[in-house]
Amino acid sequence: MFATTKVKLDKDLLAKIKRYADLAGYSSAEEFITHALEKELAKLEGAKDEEEIKKRLRGLGYIS
């Protein structure tokens, strides 16, 4: 098993997550969120250094 933590989400965002999780066949919103975060983090893995990570985050639109 793995450790868990609570994260606060906007009510409207959570409603969208639940809707899409259900449509996509996930067993829960938590499973959907975990999968989405794992996919995004995979895009950053393999970076050589902090500058490469920042470059990738800019490319993904997370930082400016």
C-alpha atoms as a PDB file:
ATOM      1  CA  MET A   1       0.000   0.000   0.000  1.00  0.00           C
ATOM      2  CA  PHE A   2       1.086   3.600  -0.297  1.00  0.00           C
ATOM      3  CA  ALA A   3       0.753   6.687   1.869  1.00  0.00           C
ATOM      4  CA  THR A   4      -2.084   9.075   1.141  1.00  0.00           C
ATOM      5  CA  THR A   5      -2.794  12.703   1.861  1.00  0.00           C
ATOM      6  CA  LYS A   6      -5.746  15.013   1.519  1.00  0.00           C
ATOM      7  CA  VAL A   7      -5.817  17.806  -1.041  1.00  0.00           C
ATOM      8  CA  LYS A   8      -8.397  20.568  -1.159  1.00  0.00           C
ATOM      9  CA  LEU A   9     -10.007  21.104  -4.555  1.00  0.00           C
ATOM     10  CA  ASP A  10     -12.502  23.645  -5.789  1.00  0.00           C
ATOM     11  CA  LYS A  11     -16.016  22.178  -5.711  1.00  0.00           C
ATOM     12  CA  ASP A  12     -16.588  22.791  -9.431  1.00  0.00           C
ATOM     13  CA  LEU A  13     -13.268  21.181 -10.347  1.00  0.00           C
ATOM     14  CA  LEU A  14     -14.057  18.141  -8.224  1.00  0.00           C
ATOM     15  CA  ALA A  15     -17.441  17.795  -9.934  1.00  0.00           C
ATOM     16  CA  LYS A  16     -15.704  17.776 -13.345  1.00  0.00           C
ATOM     17  CA  ILE A  17     -13.156  15.249 -12.134  1.00  0.00           C
ATOM     18  CA  LYS A  18     -15.884  12.945 -10.846  1.00  0.00           C
ATOM     19  CA  ARG A  19     -17.807  13.258 -14.118  1.00  0.00           C
ATOM     20  CA  TYR A  20     -14.811  12.487 -16.325  1.00  0.00           C
ATOM     21  CA  ALA A  21     -13.557   9.745 -14.032  1.00  0.00           C
ATOM     22  CA  ASP A  22     -16.927   8.029 -14.315  1.00  0.00           C
ATOM     23  CA  LEU A  23     -17.088   8.469 -18.103  1.00  0.00           C
ATOM     24  CA  ALA A  24     -13.567   7.089 -18.493  1.00  0.00           C
ATOM     25  CA  GLY A  25     -14.302   4.046 -16.343  1.00  0.00           C
ATOM     26  CA  TYR A  26     -12.147   4.879 -13.341  1.00  0.00           C
ATOM     27  CA  SER A  27     -13.283   3.339 -10.068  1.00  0.00           C
ATOM     28  CA  SER A  28     -13.055   6.678  -8.270  1.00  0.00           C
ATOM     29  CA  ALA A  29     -12.091  10.318  -8.630  1.00  0.00           C
ATOM     30  CA  GLU A  30      -8.968   9.512  -6.608  1.00  0.00           C
ATOM     31  CA  GLU A  31      -7.891   6.893  -9.145  1.00  0.00           C
ATOM     32  CA  PHE A  32      -8.424   9.369 -11.985  1.00  0.00           C
ATOM     33  CA  ILE A  33      -6.441  12.108 -10.210  1.00  0.00           C
ATOM     34  CA  THR A  34      -3.593   9.713  -9.410  1.00  0.00           C
ATOM     35  CA  HIS A  35      -3.399   8.579 -13.028  1.00  0.00           C
ATOM     36  CA  ALA A  36      -3.496  12.150 -14.365  1.00  0.00           C
ATOM     37  CA  LEU A  37      -0.731  13.273 -12.002  1.00  0.00           C
ATOM     38  CA  GLU A  38       1.408  10.241 -12.822  1.00  0.00           C
ATOM     39  CA  LYS A  39       1.098  11.034 -16.547  1.00  0.00           C
ATOM     40  CA  GLU A  40       2.110  14.663 -16.018  1.00  0.00           C
ATOM     41  CA  LEU A  41       5.040  13.736 -13.787  1.00  0.00           C
ATOM     42  CA  ALA A  42       6.241  11.207 -16.368  1.00  0.00           C
ATOM     43  CA  LYS A  43       6.656  14.113 -18.786  1.00  0.00           C
ATOM     44  CA  LEU A  44       9.166  15.641 -16.369  1.00  0.00           C
ATOM     45  CA  GLU A  45      11.104  12.493 -15.564  1.00  0.00           C
ATOM     46  CA  GLY A  46      14.409  12.075 -17.237  1.00  0.00           C
ATOM     47  CA  ALA A  47      15.294  15.744 -16.943  1.00  0.00           C
ATOM     48  CA  LYS A  48      19.026  16.206 -16.409  1.00  0.00           C
ATOM     49  CA  ASP A  49      18.822  19.109 -13.982  1.00  0.00           C
ATOM     50  CA  GLU A  50      16.576  21.759 -12.447  1.00  0.00           C
ATOM     51  CA  GLU A  51      16.811  23.995 -15.525  1.00  0.00           C
ATOM     52  CA  GLU A  52      15.608  21.172 -17.748  1.00  0.00           C
ATOM     53  CA  ILE A  53      12.656  20.593 -15.406  1.00  0.00           C
ATOM     54  CA  LYS A  54      11.788  24.308 -15.522  1.00  0.00           C
ATOM     55  CA  LYS A  55      12.025  24.249 -19.317  1.00  0.00           C
ATOM     56  CA  ARG A  56       9.638  21.296 -19.484  1.00  0.00           C
ATOM     57  CA  LEU A  57       7.226  22.934 -17.021  1.00  0.00           C
ATOM     58  CA  ARG A  58       7.206  26.088 -19.176  1.00  0.00           C
ATOM     59  CA  GLY A  59       6.540  23.958 -22.244  1.00  0.00           C
ATOM     60  CA  LEU A  60       3.588  22.357 -20.474  1.00  0.00           C
ATOM     61  CA  GLY A  61       2.279  25.783 -19.479  1.00  0.00           C
ATOM     62  CA  TYR A  62       2.672  25.299 -15.727  1.00  0.00           C
ATOM     63  CA  ILE A  63       5.096  28.179 -15.200  1.00  0.00           C
ATOM     64  CA  SER A  64       5.902  31.302 -17.192  1.00  0.00           C
END
